[in-house]
Amino acid sequence: MKKNMGSTDRIIRIFAAIVIAALYFTHTITGILGIVLLVLGAVFLLTSFVSFCPLYVPFGIKTCKSKS
């Protein structure tokens, strides 16, 4: 897997995952929506740590700096 996520993208995803987790654990979001968002937050964290987003590949998106 080649990295296709830049540092700004990774930071935004980590921040979003933290916000989602905080909202879930303070019972601001509950039920099915809460579980779905919690899973989405987990995916955000996972993709941030490996610097690879599989959804970027079909669209040819790269947010990391290219090495020229």
Protein backbone atom coordinates (compact mmCIF):
# COMPACT_ATOMS: atom_id res chain seq x y z
CA MET A 1 0.00 0.00 0.00
CA LYS A 2 1.36 3.36 -0.98
CA LYS A 3 0.56 6.25 1.29
CA ASN A 4 -2.10 8.54 -0.14
CA MET A 5 -2.93 10.72 2.87
CA GLY A 6 -1.14 13.89 3.90
CA SER A 7 -0.59 15.10 7.43
CA THR A 8 -3.43 17.64 7.32
CA ASP A 9 -5.88 14.96 6.19
CA ARG A 10 -4.69 12.66 8.98
CA ILE A 11 -5.04 15.36 11.65
CA ILE A 12 -8.58 16.23 10.51
CA ARG A 13 -9.59 12.55 10.61
CA ILE A 14 -8.14 12.05 14.09
CA PHE A 15 -9.90 15.19 15.35
CA ALA A 16 -13.21 14.02 13.82
CA ALA A 17 -12.82 10.59 15.44
CA ILE A 18 -12.19 12.19 18.84
CA VAL A 19 -15.26 14.42 18.49
CA ILE A 20 -17.44 11.47 17.44
CA ALA A 21 -16.19 9.38 20.37
CA ALA A 22 -16.79 12.23 22.82
CA LEU A 23 -20.33 12.74 21.53
CA TYR A 24 -21.05 9.02 21.75
CA PHE A 25 -19.68 8.52 25.26
CA THR A 26 -21.49 11.62 26.59
CA HIS A 27 -24.72 10.17 25.16
CA THR A 28 -25.25 13.12 22.83
CA ILE A 29 -25.60 10.68 19.94
CA THR A 30 -27.20 7.34 20.72
CA GLY A 31 -28.82 4.35 19.08
CA ILE A 32 -28.04 3.12 15.60
CA LEU A 33 -26.74 6.54 14.49
CA GLY A 34 -24.31 6.57 17.41
CA ILE A 35 -23.00 3.09 16.61
CA VAL A 36 -22.61 3.90 12.90
CA LEU A 37 -20.73 7.11 13.69
CA LEU A 38 -18.56 5.31 16.24
CA VAL A 39 -17.58 2.75 13.59
CA LEU A 40 -16.88 5.59 11.15
CA GLY A 41 -14.65 7.20 13.76
CA ALA A 42 -12.77 3.92 14.19
CA VAL A 43 -12.24 3.74 10.43
CA PHE A 44 -10.98 7.34 10.48
CA LEU A 45 -8.45 6.42 13.18
CA LEU A 46 -7.30 3.29 11.37
CA THR A 47 -6.82 5.05 8.03
CA SER A 48 -5.00 7.90 9.78
CA PHE A 49 -2.50 5.58 11.42
CA VAL A 50 -1.71 3.69 8.20
CA SER A 51 -1.84 6.85 6.00
CA PHE A 52 -3.89 5.01 3.40
CA CYS A 53 -7.53 5.50 2.43
CA PRO A 54 -8.94 2.80 0.12
CA LEU A 55 -11.70 5.14 -1.10
CA TYR A 56 -9.09 7.51 -2.54
CA VAL A 57 -7.68 4.86 -4.91
CA PRO A 58 -10.59 4.57 -7.43
CA PHE A 59 -10.81 8.36 -7.67
CA GLY A 60 -7.05 8.90 -7.92
CA ILE A 61 -6.99 11.22 -4.92
CA LYS A 62 -3.73 11.84 -3.05
CA THR A 63 -3.48 14.38 -0.27
CA CYS A 64 0.17 13.70 0.48
CA LYS A 65 3.01 15.68 -0.99
CA SER A 66 4.41 14.15 -4.16
CA LYS A 67 8.12 13.45 -4.36
CA SER A 68 9.46 15.15 -7.47
